[in-house]
Amino acid sequence: MTYRRAVIPALVGGLLITLLLWWAGASEQALQLRGTTSVFDIQSVSELRRWLAPWSYDPPTGSLSDGAAGGDTALTGGTQYADLYSTAMQIRFVSVFVFFLAGALLLVHRIPPTQGRTPATLLALWAWGPVAATLAVTVSAPWLIASRGHGSYRVLPQLASVSASSGPVAVFAGLLTALATVLVAHLTAKGAEPQPRHSVPPRAARLAASVGTAVVALSVVILSYQSVAAWIQTSFGGAGLLSEPGDLLRQWLLLGAWTGPATGPLGDWLLYRAVDVLMLAVVWWALRLLPGLLTRTTVPAMTVGAVCATVWGLLASQVLHMAIDDTVDVWGPVYLFSKLGNGVPAALTFGVLAGLAALVTLRLAGGRDTGESPSEVSR
């Protein structure tokens, strides 16, 4: 699909996910109304508010209290902090639109929903929703941190916390957005020149997928081990605004957390390690199919596709964690989805690295030619 045709569904998707997240943030006020706990239990209300808070235009209660206490000068300071918060949210929603638009444009162009690619397009767009939300909250983080009145205190840990805050709302919004985007893409693809799927040498595809999965496994298996994660958390120093980078490094480098079987029953330990194996299997399977789904195996297409594959592996492992979670009766049914979408920053980091490694391996192993055809150049 040409960029001219792909831009319409990408625009629709960008607008829809922005509106859905804005609506979710506006709904946070409804959870503060009297009688909400008669519909949901207290734990569920608290969890829902945590989900919606990153997209709410209303600052959290007490976040501006430091600047609003005492006199006209303090009142002016409180107003300035409120303006900073409003600016942060404006940047956040604009960034969501821009990031989703850019990714959806590339995905619909390179994985058009034709010739059997529709499920892959849908899954890729769905995975890109949480990625766009994560990038948006990260870009807007400096303004949000400054609006709290203590922007110079523990900046990097605060940045890590904000980067991880997009939460399950972005996953659910991404699903609705992906469905609408694929539907519009089907309509705009009518009458376009057919783009049949290309054959990729099986050996080259498997080797590229294995190398890309090995990059992701570096985070899941090695960096996420308890002693290594603790070293990452504590071994990097700094001064001033760059002090305490451990939380930020963990957020963008670790896709999981695990320790030896001595800390719990062996059966439980093996079950949770099976979840990690499932994640890597999903990543390998997606990377194995990716070169054949793309109309051209370019660097941007492979990196974005690998990011989506890594996010899907992460989501698959989180869904399996839901099935074996036994805390729902204690914390309420909403808590079941509380970890959905966690780890997307690290998935973005290692997805990009996995895509680059897979592309290099594919070319060295004799994958298909990535040059443009004359007809595509003319378009």
Protein backbone atom coordinates (compact mmCIF):
# COMPACT_ATOMS: atom_id res chain seq x y z
CA MET A 1 0.00 0.00 0.00
CA THR A 2 1.36 3.42 -0.93
CA TYR A 3 1.89 6.10 1.69
CA ARG A 4 -0.89 8.15 0.08
CA ARG A 5 -3.39 5.38 0.80
CA ALA A 6 -1.88 4.47 4.19
CA VAL A 7 -2.06 8.00 5.61
CA ILE A 8 -5.88 7.94 5.91
CA PRO A 9 -6.14 4.90 8.25
CA ALA A 10 -3.08 6.13 10.16
CA LEU A 11 -4.76 9.49 10.75
CA VAL A 12 -7.98 7.80 11.85
CA GLY A 13 -6.03 5.58 14.26
CA GLY A 14 -4.04 8.48 15.68
CA LEU A 15 -7.17 10.54 16.31
CA LEU A 16 -9.06 7.60 17.79
CA ILE A 17 -6.41 6.53 20.29
CA THR A 18 -5.96 10.16 21.35
CA LEU A 19 -9.70 10.57 21.91
CA LEU A 20 -9.97 7.25 23.76
CA LEU A 21 -7.15 8.13 26.14
CA TRP A 22 -8.56 11.63 26.65
CA TRP A 23 -11.97 10.12 27.43
CA ALA A 24 -10.34 7.66 29.84
CA GLY A 25 -8.60 10.52 31.64
CA ALA A 26 -11.82 12.54 31.82
CA SER A 27 -13.58 9.51 33.33
CA GLU A 28 -11.21 9.57 36.30
CA GLN A 29 -13.38 12.26 37.89
CA ALA A 30 -16.36 9.89 37.92
CA LEU A 31 -14.51 7.54 40.26
CA GLN A 32 -14.35 10.32 42.86
CA LEU A 33 -18.14 10.63 43.05
CA ARG A 34 -20.00 9.46 46.11
CA GLY A 35 -21.47 6.01 45.64
CA THR A 36 -18.71 4.71 43.36
CA THR A 37 -17.75 2.12 45.97
CA SER A 38 -21.28 0.72 45.80
CA VAL A 39 -20.51 -0.35 42.23
CA PHE A 40 -16.86 -1.30 42.70
CA ASP A 41 -15.05 -2.34 45.86
CA ILE A 42 -12.56 0.09 47.37
CA GLN A 43 -9.52 -1.76 45.99
CA SER A 44 -10.96 -1.76 42.46
CA VAL A 45 -11.76 1.97 42.62
CA SER A 46 -8.23 2.73 43.75
CA GLU A 47 -6.77 0.57 40.98
CA LEU A 48 -8.98 2.13 38.29
CA ARG A 49 -7.96 5.60 39.41
CA ARG A 50 -4.32 4.58 39.10
CA TRP A 51 -4.97 3.39 35.54
CA LEU A 52 -6.70 6.61 34.49
CA ALA A 53 -4.55 9.15 36.36
CA PRO A 54 -1.80 9.41 33.68
CA TRP A 55 -4.41 10.66 31.19
CA SER A 56 -6.37 12.96 33.47
CA TYR A 57 -6.19 16.73 33.04
CA ASP A 58 -6.92 17.14 36.75
CA PRO A 59 -3.67 17.03 38.75
CA PRO A 60 -3.53 14.43 41.53
CA THR A 61 -4.88 15.65 44.86
CA GLY A 62 -2.19 17.45 46.84
CA SER A 63 0.37 17.52 44.01
CA LEU A 64 0.21 21.32 43.83
CA SER A 65 -0.20 21.91 47.54
CA ASP A 66 3.42 22.94 48.05
CA GLY A 67 3.00 25.88 45.72
CA ALA A 68 -0.48 26.86 46.86
CA ALA A 69 0.03 27.30 50.59
CA GLY A 70 0.18 30.79 52.02
CA GLY A 71 -0.25 34.24 50.48
CA ASP A 72 -0.54 35.74 47.02
CA THR A 73 3.00 34.72 46.05
CA ALA A 74 2.32 31.08 46.89
CA LEU A 75 -1.00 31.26 45.05
CA THR A 76 0.81 32.53 41.96
CA GLY A 77 3.29 29.69 42.30
CA GLY A 78 0.45 27.19 42.56
CA THR A 79 -1.08 28.61 39.37
CA GLN A 80 2.24 28.23 37.58
CA TYR A 81 2.51 24.60 38.67
CA ALA A 82 -1.04 24.01 37.43
CA ASP A 83 -0.09 25.58 34.09
CA LEU A 84 2.93 23.30 33.87
CA TYR A 85 0.70 20.28 34.49
CA SER A 86 -1.71 21.44 31.79
CA THR A 87 1.21 21.89 29.39
CA ALA A 88 2.47 18.39 30.21
CA MET A 89 -0.92 16.88 29.37
CA GLN A 90 -1.17 18.85 26.12
CA ILE A 91 2.27 17.57 25.10
CA ARG A 92 1.24 14.05 26.13
CA PHE A 93 -1.86 13.90 23.97
CA VAL A 94 -0.20 15.53 20.97
CA SER A 95 2.69 13.07 21.32
CA VAL A 96 0.31 10.10 21.43
CA PHE A 97 -1.23 11.25 18.17
CA VAL A 98 2.13 11.85 16.48
CA PHE A 99 3.80 8.62 17.63
CA PHE A 100 0.83 6.42 16.76
CA LEU A 101 0.42 8.16 13.39
CA ALA A 102 4.09 7.61 12.51
CA GLY A 103 4.09 3.94 13.52
CA ALA A 104 0.71 3.15 11.98
CA LEU A 105 1.70 4.83 8.72
CA LEU A 106 4.79 2.65 8.47
CA LEU A 107 2.99 -0.54 9.52
CA VAL A 108 0.02 -0.12 7.17
CA HIS A 109 2.42 0.77 4.35
CA ARG A 110 4.74 -2.19 4.91
CA ILE A 111 2.17 -4.73 6.22
CA PRO A 112 -0.98 -3.81 4.27
CA PRO A 113 -4.13 -5.73 5.32
CA THR A 114 -4.29 -7.65 2.05
CA GLN A 115 -3.13 -11.03 0.76
CA GLY A 116 -3.58 -12.75 4.13
CA ARG A 117 -1.78 -10.05 6.13
CA THR A 118 -4.86 -8.70 7.96
CA PRO A 119 -4.31 -10.58 11.28
CA ALA A 120 -0.67 -9.51 11.31
CA THR A 121 -1.60 -5.89 10.61
CA LEU A 122 -4.16 -5.94 13.40
CA LEU A 123 -1.77 -7.43 15.94
CA ALA A 124 1.04 -5.07 14.98
CA LEU A 125 -1.18 -1.99 15.30
CA TRP A 126 -2.53 -3.25 18.62
CA ALA A 127 1.01 -3.68 19.98
CA TRP A 128 1.99 -0.24 18.70
CA GLY A 129 -0.72 1.44 20.82
CA PRO A 130 1.04 0.85 24.19
CA VAL A 131 4.37 1.79 22.59
CA ALA A 132 3.00 5.14 21.39
CA ALA A 133 1.52 5.77 24.84
CA THR A 134 4.82 4.94 26.55
CA LEU A 135 6.74 7.30 24.27
CA ALA A 136 4.16 10.02 24.89
CA VAL A 137 4.30 9.82 28.68
CA THR A 138 8.10 9.79 28.51
CA VAL A 139 8.29 12.87 26.27
CA SER A 140 5.90 14.80 28.52
CA ALA A 141 7.61 13.66 31.73
CA PRO A 142 9.87 16.74 32.27
CA TRP A 143 6.88 19.10 32.40
CA LEU A 144 4.93 16.72 34.61
CA ILE A 145 7.83 16.33 37.05
CA ALA A 146 8.34 20.11 37.18
CA SER A 147 4.63 20.63 37.93
CA ARG A 148 5.01 18.67 41.17
CA GLY A 149 7.13 21.45 42.64
CA HIS A 150 10.25 19.35 43.29
CA GLY A 151 11.62 18.73 39.82
CA SER A 152 15.26 18.79 40.94
CA TYR A 153 14.78 15.98 43.49
CA ARG A 154 15.38 12.40 42.30
CA VAL A 155 14.73 13.29 38.67
CA LEU A 156 15.71 9.95 37.13
CA PRO A 157 13.59 7.81 39.51
CA GLN A 158 10.67 10.15 38.83
CA LEU A 159 11.28 9.80 35.08
CA ALA A 160 11.30 6.01 35.46
CA SER A 161 7.98 6.11 37.31
CA VAL A 162 6.34 8.33 34.70
CA SER A 163 7.65 6.19 31.80
CA ALA A 164 5.97 3.14 33.31
CA SER A 165 2.61 4.82 33.93
CA SER A 166 0.71 4.33 30.65
CA GLY A 167 -0.70 1.07 32.01
CA PRO A 168 -3.57 -1.20 30.90
CA VAL A 169 -5.64 1.69 29.53
CA ALA A 170 -3.26 2.02 26.57
CA VAL A 171 -3.58 -1.72 25.83
CA PHE A 172 -7.38 -1.59 25.73
CA ALA A 173 -7.39 1.66 23.73
CA GLY A 174 -4.86 0.12 21.35
CA LEU A 175 -7.20 -2.80 20.61
CA LEU A 176 -10.13 -0.56 19.62
CA THR A 177 -7.81 1.67 17.63
CA ALA A 178 -6.25 -1.26 15.77
CA LEU A 179 -9.67 -2.61 14.78
CA ALA A 180 -10.78 0.76 13.41
CA THR A 181 -7.47 1.39 11.63
CA VAL A 182 -7.52 -1.99 9.87
CA LEU A 183 -11.14 -1.46 8.82
CA VAL A 184 -10.33 1.91 7.26
CA ALA A 185 -7.17 0.46 5.69
CA HIS A 186 -9.28 -2.25 4.02
CA LEU A 187 -11.49 0.45 2.50
CA THR A 188 -8.59 2.56 1.26
CA ALA A 189 -6.83 -0.52 -0.18
CA LYS A 190 -9.66 -1.18 -2.64
CA GLY A 191 -8.47 -0.70 -6.18
CA ALA A 192 -4.80 -0.69 -5.20
CA GLU A 193 -2.25 -2.79 -7.03
CA PRO A 194 -2.06 -6.21 -5.32
CA GLN A 195 1.08 -6.84 -3.27
CA PRO A 196 1.53 -10.60 -2.95
CA ARG A 197 3.53 -12.04 -0.08
CA HIS A 198 7.17 -12.73 -0.86
CA SER A 199 8.95 -15.97 -0.14
CA VAL A 200 11.89 -15.83 2.24
CA PRO A 201 14.44 -18.66 2.47
CA PRO A 202 13.32 -20.67 5.51
CA ARG A 203 16.85 -21.10 6.82
CA ALA A 204 17.56 -17.37 6.64
CA ALA A 205 14.25 -16.50 8.29
CA ARG A 206 14.78 -18.98 11.12
CA LEU A 207 18.33 -17.80 11.70
CA ALA A 208 17.29 -14.14 11.75
CA ALA A 209 14.46 -14.92 14.17
CA SER A 210 16.83 -16.85 16.43
CA VAL A 211 19.34 -14.02 16.56
CA GLY A 212 16.62 -11.45 17.26
CA THR A 213 15.12 -13.66 19.98
CA ALA A 214 18.57 -14.10 21.54
CA VAL A 215 18.77 -10.31 21.91
CA VAL A 216 15.42 -10.27 23.73
CA ALA A 217 16.52 -13.25 25.82
CA LEU A 218 19.48 -11.18 27.01
CA SER A 219 16.99 -9.08 28.96
CA VAL A 220 14.61 -11.88 29.98
CA VAL A 221 17.19 -14.45 31.04
CA ILE A 222 20.36 -12.57 32.00
CA LEU A 223 19.58 -8.97 32.95
CA SER A 224 16.37 -9.92 34.75
CA TYR A 225 18.11 -12.39 37.07
CA GLN A 226 17.94 -11.11 40.65
CA SER A 227 21.66 -10.57 41.26
CA VAL A 228 22.22 -8.93 37.86
CA ALA A 229 19.17 -6.71 38.25
CA ALA A 230 20.39 -5.65 41.69
CA TRP A 231 23.79 -4.78 40.20
CA ILE A 232 22.08 -2.65 37.54
CA GLN A 233 20.02 -0.98 40.24
CA THR A 234 22.94 -0.02 42.46
CA SER A 235 26.20 0.03 40.50
CA PHE A 236 25.71 3.16 38.41
CA GLY A 237 26.27 6.45 40.16
CA GLY A 238 25.92 10.08 39.28
CA ALA A 239 25.56 13.52 40.76
CA GLY A 240 22.97 16.26 40.71
CA LEU A 241 20.12 15.73 38.26
CA LEU A 242 21.74 12.50 37.00
CA SER A 243 21.94 10.81 40.41
CA GLU A 244 20.21 7.49 41.13
CA PRO A 245 19.80 6.18 37.55
CA GLY A 246 19.14 2.60 38.71
CA ASP A 247 15.33 2.79 38.53
CA LEU A 248 15.45 4.25 35.04
CA LEU A 249 17.91 1.61 33.83
CA ARG A 250 15.76 -1.19 35.22
CA GLN A 251 12.68 0.26 33.56
CA TRP A 252 14.26 0.40 30.11
CA LEU A 253 16.41 -2.75 30.30
CA LEU A 254 14.49 -5.43 32.23
CA LEU A 255 11.64 -7.42 30.67
CA GLY A 256 11.10 -9.56 33.74
CA ALA A 257 12.42 -10.59 37.14
CA TRP A 258 13.39 -14.01 38.39
CA THR A 259 15.53 -15.82 40.92
CA GLY A 260 16.57 -19.38 41.68
CA PRO A 261 14.11 -22.13 42.70
CA ALA A 262 15.42 -22.15 46.27
CA THR A 263 13.20 -19.18 47.17
CA GLY A 264 9.92 -21.04 46.58
CA PRO A 265 8.29 -24.34 45.53
CA LEU A 266 9.95 -25.90 42.50
CA GLY A 267 6.61 -26.37 40.72
CA ASP A 268 5.77 -22.67 40.96
CA TRP A 269 9.27 -21.74 39.84
CA LEU A 270 9.00 -23.97 36.76
CA LEU A 271 5.56 -22.57 35.96
CA TYR A 272 6.84 -19.00 35.96
CA ARG A 273 9.86 -19.97 33.88
CA ALA A 274 7.42 -21.51 31.39
CA VAL A 275 5.88 -18.06 31.08
CA ASP A 276 9.30 -16.67 30.10
CA VAL A 277 9.70 -19.47 27.56
CA LEU A 278 6.29 -18.60 26.11
CA MET A 279 7.33 -14.98 25.71
CA LEU A 280 10.48 -15.91 23.81
CA ALA A 281 8.54 -18.41 21.67
CA VAL A 282 6.04 -15.71 20.66
CA VAL A 283 8.89 -13.34 19.79
CA TRP A 284 10.66 -16.00 17.71
CA TRP A 285 7.47 -16.94 15.86
CA ALA A 286 6.67 -13.30 15.07
CA LEU A 287 10.21 -12.53 13.91
CA ARG A 288 10.17 -15.70 11.79
CA LEU A 289 7.07 -14.49 9.93
CA LEU A 290 7.93 -10.79 9.80
CA PRO A 291 10.22 -10.71 6.70
CA GLY A 292 7.59 -12.55 4.65
CA LEU A 293 4.84 -10.18 5.78
CA LEU A 294 6.71 -6.99 4.90
CA THR A 295 6.53 -5.59 1.39
CA ARG A 296 10.18 -4.56 1.88
CA THR A 297 12.55 -5.49 4.70
CA THR A 298 13.84 -2.00 5.44
CA VAL A 299 15.49 -0.91 8.67
CA PRO A 300 12.46 1.09 9.95
CA ALA A 301 10.03 -1.69 9.07
CA MET A 302 12.09 -4.42 10.74
CA THR A 303 12.73 -2.40 13.90
CA VAL A 304 9.11 -1.33 14.34
CA GLY A 305 7.94 -4.85 13.51
CA ALA A 306 10.37 -6.34 16.04
CA VAL A 307 9.19 -3.88 18.70
CA CYS A 308 5.61 -5.01 18.08
CA ALA A 309 6.73 -8.66 18.24
CA THR A 310 8.46 -8.06 21.58
CA VAL A 311 5.42 -6.26 22.98
CA TRP A 312 3.25 -9.18 21.91
CA GLY A 313 5.54 -11.63 23.65
CA LEU A 314 5.34 -9.47 26.75
CA LEU A 315 1.54 -9.31 26.62
CA ALA A 316 1.27 -13.06 26.09
CA SER A 317 3.38 -13.69 29.19
CA GLN A 318 1.26 -11.24 31.20
CA VAL A 319 -1.95 -12.96 30.13
CA LEU A 320 -0.55 -16.28 31.30
CA HIS A 321 0.44 -14.64 34.58
CA MET A 322 -3.23 -13.66 34.97
CA ALA A 323 -4.25 -17.30 34.65
CA ILE A 324 -1.95 -18.38 37.48
CA ASP A 325 -2.47 -15.32 39.70
CA ASP A 326 -4.17 -16.21 42.99
CA THR A 327 -4.52 -12.69 44.45
CA VAL A 328 -7.70 -11.67 42.65
CA ASP A 329 -9.93 -12.71 45.55
CA VAL A 330 -7.92 -10.43 47.83
CA TRP A 331 -7.49 -7.32 45.67
CA GLY A 332 -10.59 -7.47 43.46
CA PRO A 333 -11.15 -8.41 39.79
CA VAL A 334 -9.70 -5.17 38.41
CA TYR A 335 -6.33 -6.09 39.90
CA LEU A 336 -6.20 -9.04 37.49
CA PHE A 337 -5.31 -6.63 34.66
CA SER A 338 -3.11 -4.30 36.70
CA LYS A 339 0.18 -5.55 35.25
CA LEU A 340 -1.03 -5.55 31.65
CA GLY A 341 1.25 -3.26 29.65
CA ASN A 342 4.10 -3.22 32.18
CA GLY A 343 7.57 -3.53 30.69
CA VAL A 344 6.84 -1.74 27.41
CA PRO A 345 9.89 0.59 27.77
CA ALA A 346 12.22 -2.42 27.91
CA ALA A 347 10.30 -4.06 25.05
CA LEU A 348 10.93 -0.92 23.02
CA THR A 349 14.66 -0.99 23.80
CA PHE A 350 15.24 -4.64 23.02
CA GLY A 351 12.70 -4.71 20.19
CA VAL A 352 14.75 -2.13 18.30
CA LEU A 353 17.97 -4.06 18.96
CA ALA A 354 16.33 -7.36 17.98
CA GLY A 355 15.01 -5.88 14.74
CA LEU A 356 18.42 -4.56 13.76
CA ALA A 357 20.12 -7.84 14.62
CA ALA A 358 17.51 -9.86 12.71
CA LEU A 359 17.80 -7.64 9.63
CA VAL A 360 21.60 -7.89 9.54
CA THR A 361 21.40 -11.66 9.97
CA LEU A 362 18.74 -11.95 7.27
CA ARG A 363 20.87 -10.10 4.76
CA LEU A 364 24.03 -12.02 5.61
CA ALA A 365 22.15 -15.33 5.42
CA GLY A 366 20.82 -14.62 1.94
CA GLY A 367 17.38 -13.18 2.66
CA ARG A 368 15.39 -11.56 -0.11
CA ASP A 369 16.53 -8.40 -1.88
CA THR A 370 15.46 -5.24 -0.05
CA GLY A 371 15.80 -2.90 -2.97
CA GLU A 372 12.84 -1.02 -4.36
CA SER A 373 11.25 -2.15 -7.54
CA PRO A 374 10.90 0.42 -10.34
CA SER A 375 7.13 0.52 -9.89
CA GLU A 376 7.48 1.30 -6.19
CA VAL A 377 10.00 4.05 -6.88
CA SER A 378 7.57 5.64 -9.31
CA ARG A 379 4.88 5.70 -6.62
